[in-house]
N, C-alpha and C. Protein backbone atom coordinates (compact mmCIF):
# COMPACT_ATOMS: atom_id res chain seq x y z
N MET A 1 5.83 -13.16 -11.82
CA MET A 1 5.81 -11.96 -11.02
C MET A 1 4.60 -11.13 -11.43
N ILE A 2 3.85 -10.63 -10.44
CA ILE A 2 2.75 -9.71 -10.72
C ILE A 2 2.94 -8.45 -9.88
N TYR A 3 2.30 -7.39 -10.33
CA TYR A 3 2.39 -6.10 -9.66
C TYR A 3 0.98 -5.67 -9.29
N GLU A 4 0.87 -5.11 -8.09
CA GLU A 4 -0.42 -4.63 -7.62
C GLU A 4 -0.34 -3.12 -7.45
N LEU A 5 -1.11 -2.41 -8.26
CA LEU A 5 -1.24 -0.96 -8.12
C LEU A 5 -2.36 -0.69 -7.13
N ARG A 6 -2.04 0.06 -6.09
CA ARG A 6 -3.03 0.44 -5.09
C ARG A 6 -3.16 1.96 -5.09
N ILE A 7 -4.39 2.44 -5.13
CA ILE A 7 -4.66 3.87 -5.13
C ILE A 7 -5.49 4.18 -3.89
N TYR A 8 -4.94 5.04 -3.04
CA TYR A 8 -5.64 5.45 -1.82
C TYR A 8 -6.23 6.83 -2.05
N HIS A 9 -7.53 6.94 -1.87
CA HIS A 9 -8.23 8.22 -1.91
C HIS A 9 -8.34 8.66 -0.44
N MET A 10 -7.75 9.80 -0.15
CA MET A 10 -7.57 10.23 1.23
C MET A 10 -8.66 11.19 1.71
N HIS A 11 -8.93 11.15 3.01
CA HIS A 11 -9.76 12.18 3.62
C HIS A 11 -8.95 13.48 3.66
N PRO A 12 -9.61 14.62 3.55
CA PRO A 12 -8.90 15.90 3.63
C PRO A 12 -8.09 16.00 4.92
N GLY A 13 -6.88 16.51 4.80
CA GLY A 13 -6.02 16.72 5.96
C GLY A 13 -5.32 15.47 6.47
N LYS A 14 -5.43 14.35 5.77
CA LYS A 14 -4.87 13.08 6.28
C LYS A 14 -3.64 12.60 5.51
N MET A 15 -3.16 13.39 4.54
CA MET A 15 -2.01 12.93 3.76
C MET A 15 -0.77 12.75 4.63
N GLU A 16 -0.52 13.65 5.53
CA GLU A 16 0.64 13.51 6.41
C GLU A 16 0.52 12.26 7.29
N ALA A 17 -0.68 11.95 7.74
CA ALA A 17 -0.90 10.76 8.58
C ALA A 17 -0.60 9.48 7.81
N ILE A 18 -0.99 9.42 6.53
CA ILE A 18 -0.72 8.21 5.75
C ILE A 18 0.78 8.09 5.48
N HIS A 19 1.44 9.21 5.20
CA HIS A 19 2.89 9.17 4.99
C HIS A 19 3.61 8.67 6.24
N LYS A 20 3.18 9.15 7.38
CA LYS A 20 3.80 8.73 8.64
C LYS A 20 3.59 7.23 8.86
N ARG A 21 2.38 6.75 8.63
CA ARG A 21 2.09 5.34 8.85
C ARG A 21 2.90 4.46 7.91
N PHE A 22 2.98 4.85 6.63
CA PHE A 22 3.78 4.07 5.70
C PHE A 22 5.27 4.10 6.06
N SER A 23 5.79 5.27 6.35
CA SER A 23 7.23 5.39 6.59
C SER A 23 7.67 4.76 7.91
N GLU A 24 6.81 4.75 8.90
CA GLU A 24 7.20 4.24 10.21
C GLU A 24 6.81 2.78 10.43
N VAL A 25 5.79 2.27 9.73
CA VAL A 25 5.30 0.93 10.03
C VAL A 25 5.01 0.08 8.79
N THR A 26 4.18 0.60 7.91
CA THR A 26 3.59 -0.23 6.87
C THR A 26 4.62 -0.83 5.92
N ILE A 27 5.56 -0.03 5.41
CA ILE A 27 6.53 -0.56 4.46
C ILE A 27 7.34 -1.69 5.09
N ARG A 28 7.75 -1.51 6.32
CA ARG A 28 8.51 -2.56 7.02
C ARG A 28 7.68 -3.84 7.14
N LEU A 29 6.40 -3.70 7.44
CA LEU A 29 5.54 -4.88 7.56
C LEU A 29 5.25 -5.52 6.21
N PHE A 30 5.12 -4.72 5.17
CA PHE A 30 4.98 -5.29 3.83
C PHE A 30 6.19 -6.19 3.53
N GLU A 31 7.38 -5.67 3.77
CA GLU A 31 8.61 -6.45 3.52
C GLU A 31 8.63 -7.72 4.37
N LYS A 32 8.26 -7.58 5.63
CA LYS A 32 8.22 -8.74 6.53
C LYS A 32 7.33 -9.84 5.98
N HIS A 33 6.25 -9.45 5.35
CA HIS A 33 5.26 -10.42 4.85
C HIS A 33 5.43 -10.71 3.35
N GLY A 34 6.61 -10.45 2.82
CA GLY A 34 6.92 -10.86 1.45
C GLY A 34 6.26 -10.05 0.37
N MET A 35 6.00 -8.76 0.65
CA MET A 35 5.36 -7.88 -0.33
C MET A 35 6.20 -6.63 -0.52
N PRO A 36 7.31 -6.73 -1.26
CA PRO A 36 8.15 -5.54 -1.43
C PRO A 36 7.44 -4.44 -2.21
N VAL A 37 7.75 -3.21 -1.83
CA VAL A 37 7.19 -2.04 -2.50
C VAL A 37 8.05 -1.71 -3.71
N TYR A 38 7.44 -1.60 -4.86
CA TYR A 38 8.13 -1.24 -6.10
C TYR A 38 8.38 0.26 -6.16
N ASP A 39 7.33 1.05 -5.85
CA ASP A 39 7.48 2.51 -5.86
C ASP A 39 6.22 3.16 -5.28
N PHE A 40 6.33 4.46 -4.98
CA PHE A 40 5.24 5.27 -4.42
C PHE A 40 5.14 6.57 -5.18
N TRP A 41 3.93 7.11 -5.30
CA TRP A 41 3.72 8.39 -5.95
C TRP A 41 2.59 9.15 -5.23
N GLU A 42 2.66 10.48 -5.31
CA GLU A 42 1.57 11.35 -4.89
C GLU A 42 0.98 11.99 -6.13
N ASP A 43 -0.27 12.33 -6.08
CA ASP A 43 -0.93 13.05 -7.17
C ASP A 43 -0.38 14.48 -7.20
N ILE A 44 0.02 14.96 -8.37
CA ILE A 44 0.59 16.32 -8.45
C ILE A 44 -0.45 17.38 -8.80
N ASP A 45 -1.67 16.97 -9.06
CA ASP A 45 -2.71 17.93 -9.44
C ASP A 45 -3.58 18.35 -8.26
N GLY A 46 -3.15 18.03 -7.04
CA GLY A 46 -3.89 18.45 -5.87
C GLY A 46 -4.97 17.48 -5.42
N ASN A 47 -5.14 16.39 -6.16
CA ASN A 47 -6.10 15.37 -5.72
C ASN A 47 -5.52 14.64 -4.51
N LEU A 48 -6.36 14.29 -3.60
CA LEU A 48 -5.91 13.61 -2.38
C LEU A 48 -5.78 12.12 -2.63
N ARG A 49 -4.75 11.78 -3.42
CA ARG A 49 -4.53 10.37 -3.77
C ARG A 49 -3.06 10.01 -3.60
N LEU A 50 -2.85 8.78 -3.15
CA LEU A 50 -1.52 8.20 -3.03
C LEU A 50 -1.53 6.91 -3.84
N TYR A 51 -0.48 6.70 -4.63
CA TYR A 51 -0.39 5.54 -5.50
C TYR A 51 0.85 4.74 -5.11
N TYR A 52 0.73 3.42 -5.08
CA TYR A 52 1.94 2.62 -4.89
C TYR A 52 1.75 1.26 -5.53
N VAL A 53 2.90 0.61 -5.78
CA VAL A 53 2.90 -0.69 -6.43
C VAL A 53 3.65 -1.68 -5.56
N LEU A 54 3.02 -2.82 -5.31
CA LEU A 54 3.63 -3.93 -4.59
C LEU A 54 3.99 -5.03 -5.58
N VAL A 55 5.01 -5.81 -5.25
CA VAL A 55 5.45 -6.92 -6.08
C VAL A 55 5.07 -8.23 -5.40
N HIS A 56 4.48 -9.15 -6.17
CA HIS A 56 4.07 -10.46 -5.65
C HIS A 56 4.53 -11.55 -6.61
N ASN A 57 4.73 -12.74 -6.07
CA ASN A 57 5.07 -13.88 -6.93
C ASN A 57 3.88 -14.28 -7.79
N ASP A 58 2.70 -14.30 -7.20
CA ASP A 58 1.47 -14.68 -7.90
C ASP A 58 0.29 -14.26 -7.04
N ARG A 59 -0.93 -14.45 -7.53
CA ARG A 59 -2.13 -14.02 -6.79
C ARG A 59 -2.29 -14.80 -5.48
N GLU A 60 -1.99 -16.09 -5.51
CA GLU A 60 -2.17 -16.90 -4.31
C GLU A 60 -1.24 -16.44 -3.18
N SER A 61 0.03 -16.20 -3.52
CA SER A 61 0.96 -15.73 -2.47
C SER A 61 0.58 -14.32 -2.03
N ARG A 62 0.08 -13.50 -2.95
CA ARG A 62 -0.37 -12.16 -2.58
C ARG A 62 -1.48 -12.25 -1.54
N ASP A 63 -2.47 -13.08 -1.81
CA ASP A 63 -3.60 -13.20 -0.89
C ASP A 63 -3.16 -13.72 0.46
N ARG A 64 -2.30 -14.71 0.46
CA ARG A 64 -1.79 -15.29 1.71
C ARG A 64 -0.95 -14.26 2.49
N ASN A 65 -0.05 -13.58 1.79
CA ASN A 65 0.81 -12.59 2.45
C ASN A 65 0.01 -11.39 2.95
N TYR A 66 -0.98 -10.96 2.17
CA TYR A 66 -1.78 -9.82 2.58
C TYR A 66 -2.63 -10.16 3.82
N ALA A 67 -3.14 -11.38 3.87
CA ALA A 67 -3.89 -11.80 5.05
C ALA A 67 -3.00 -11.81 6.28
N ALA A 68 -1.77 -12.30 6.13
CA ALA A 68 -0.83 -12.30 7.26
C ALA A 68 -0.51 -10.88 7.69
N PHE A 69 -0.34 -9.99 6.73
CA PHE A 69 -0.09 -8.57 7.05
C PHE A 69 -1.26 -7.97 7.82
N ARG A 70 -2.47 -8.14 7.31
CA ARG A 70 -3.66 -7.56 7.96
C ARG A 70 -3.85 -8.07 9.38
N ASN A 71 -3.39 -9.29 9.66
CA ASN A 71 -3.56 -9.86 11.00
C ASN A 71 -2.33 -9.68 11.89
N ASP A 72 -1.30 -9.04 11.38
CA ASP A 72 -0.09 -8.82 12.17
C ASP A 72 -0.43 -7.88 13.33
N PRO A 73 -0.11 -8.25 14.55
CA PRO A 73 -0.44 -7.38 15.70
C PRO A 73 0.16 -5.98 15.59
N ASP A 74 1.36 -5.86 15.01
CA ASP A 74 1.96 -4.53 14.85
C ASP A 74 1.13 -3.67 13.89
N TRP A 75 0.57 -4.29 12.84
CA TRP A 75 -0.29 -3.54 11.91
C TRP A 75 -1.58 -3.13 12.59
N VAL A 76 -2.20 -4.04 13.30
CA VAL A 76 -3.48 -3.74 13.97
C VAL A 76 -3.30 -2.56 14.92
N ILE A 77 -2.22 -2.57 15.69
CA ILE A 77 -1.96 -1.48 16.64
C ILE A 77 -1.71 -0.17 15.89
N ALA A 78 -0.83 -0.21 14.88
CA ALA A 78 -0.49 1.01 14.13
C ALA A 78 -1.71 1.60 13.44
N LYS A 79 -2.53 0.75 12.85
CA LYS A 79 -3.73 1.23 12.16
C LYS A 79 -4.68 1.90 13.15
N ASN A 80 -4.92 1.23 14.27
CA ASN A 80 -5.82 1.80 15.27
C ASN A 80 -5.29 3.12 15.83
N GLN A 81 -4.00 3.18 16.12
CA GLN A 81 -3.42 4.42 16.64
C GLN A 81 -3.48 5.55 15.62
N SER A 82 -3.17 5.23 14.36
CA SER A 82 -3.15 6.28 13.34
C SER A 82 -4.54 6.79 13.00
N GLU A 83 -5.56 6.00 13.32
CA GLU A 83 -6.93 6.41 13.02
C GLU A 83 -7.70 6.82 14.28
N ALA A 84 -6.97 7.16 15.33
CA ALA A 84 -7.63 7.57 16.59
C ALA A 84 -8.51 8.81 16.38
N ASP A 85 -8.10 9.68 15.44
CA ASP A 85 -8.88 10.90 15.16
C ASP A 85 -9.78 10.74 13.95
N GLY A 86 -9.99 9.50 13.52
CA GLY A 86 -10.85 9.25 12.38
C GLY A 86 -10.11 8.55 11.26
N PRO A 87 -10.86 7.99 10.33
CA PRO A 87 -10.24 7.26 9.22
C PRO A 87 -9.33 8.15 8.38
N ILE A 88 -8.32 7.54 7.80
CA ILE A 88 -7.38 8.24 6.94
C ILE A 88 -7.79 8.10 5.48
N VAL A 89 -8.17 6.90 5.10
CA VAL A 89 -8.44 6.57 3.71
C VAL A 89 -9.95 6.47 3.47
N VAL A 90 -10.41 7.15 2.42
CA VAL A 90 -11.82 7.09 2.03
C VAL A 90 -12.10 5.80 1.28
N LYS A 91 -11.22 5.50 0.31
CA LYS A 91 -11.46 4.37 -0.58
C LYS A 91 -10.12 3.87 -1.10
N VAL A 92 -10.02 2.55 -1.32
CA VAL A 92 -8.83 1.95 -1.91
C VAL A 92 -9.24 1.25 -3.20
N GLU A 93 -8.49 1.53 -4.26
CA GLU A 93 -8.65 0.79 -5.51
C GLU A 93 -7.39 -0.04 -5.70
N ASN A 94 -7.54 -1.23 -6.25
CA ASN A 94 -6.34 -1.99 -6.57
C ASN A 94 -6.52 -2.71 -7.90
N PHE A 95 -5.39 -2.81 -8.61
CA PHE A 95 -5.36 -3.41 -9.94
C PHE A 95 -4.15 -4.33 -10.01
N PHE A 96 -4.31 -5.48 -10.63
CA PHE A 96 -3.20 -6.43 -10.77
C PHE A 96 -2.70 -6.36 -12.21
N MET A 97 -1.37 -6.35 -12.35
CA MET A 97 -0.76 -6.15 -13.65
C MET A 97 0.41 -7.12 -13.83
N LYS A 98 0.76 -7.37 -15.09
CA LYS A 98 1.98 -8.11 -15.40
C LYS A 98 2.74 -7.32 -16.44
N ARG A 99 4.03 -7.52 -16.47
CA ARG A 99 4.89 -6.82 -17.44
C ARG A 99 4.61 -7.30 -18.85
N VAL A 100 4.74 -6.39 -19.78
CA VAL A 100 4.67 -6.75 -21.20
C VAL A 100 6.09 -7.16 -21.63
N PRO A 101 6.20 -8.03 -22.63
CA PRO A 101 7.52 -8.55 -22.98
C PRO A 101 8.40 -7.59 -23.79
N TYR A 102 7.87 -6.47 -24.27
CA TYR A 102 8.61 -5.62 -25.17
C TYR A 102 9.19 -4.37 -24.54
N VAL A 103 9.09 -4.22 -23.22
CA VAL A 103 9.67 -3.07 -22.53
C VAL A 103 10.47 -3.58 -21.34
N THR A 104 11.69 -3.12 -21.23
CA THR A 104 12.49 -3.46 -20.05
C THR A 104 12.41 -2.30 -19.09
N GLY A 105 12.47 -2.59 -17.85
CA GLY A 105 12.35 -1.55 -16.84
C GLY A 105 13.25 -1.85 -15.67
N ARG A 106 12.78 -1.46 -14.55
CA ARG A 106 13.52 -1.64 -13.30
C ARG A 106 13.96 -3.05 -13.14
């Protein structure tokens, strides 16, 4: 099992748009394509950043599932509609992680 931390740096005024897109479309499509969401966070210091972690079996399945997600017609439509007034995300960072053996968690 691997975890993917994704950090979205948002355009000013677009935080509500990203929340709407995730809550109405994206999370459901992640699940459909075998990429369950572990958790989500917002920056509490006023930075326009959203953080979330996806769970994958391995890098190969992540790449395959993410490609299927990006090409899903429902995603293409939702992304285009949500960005009709301009892009939402300035930049995306992602990091791949694995659990350490000495801490139990979720």
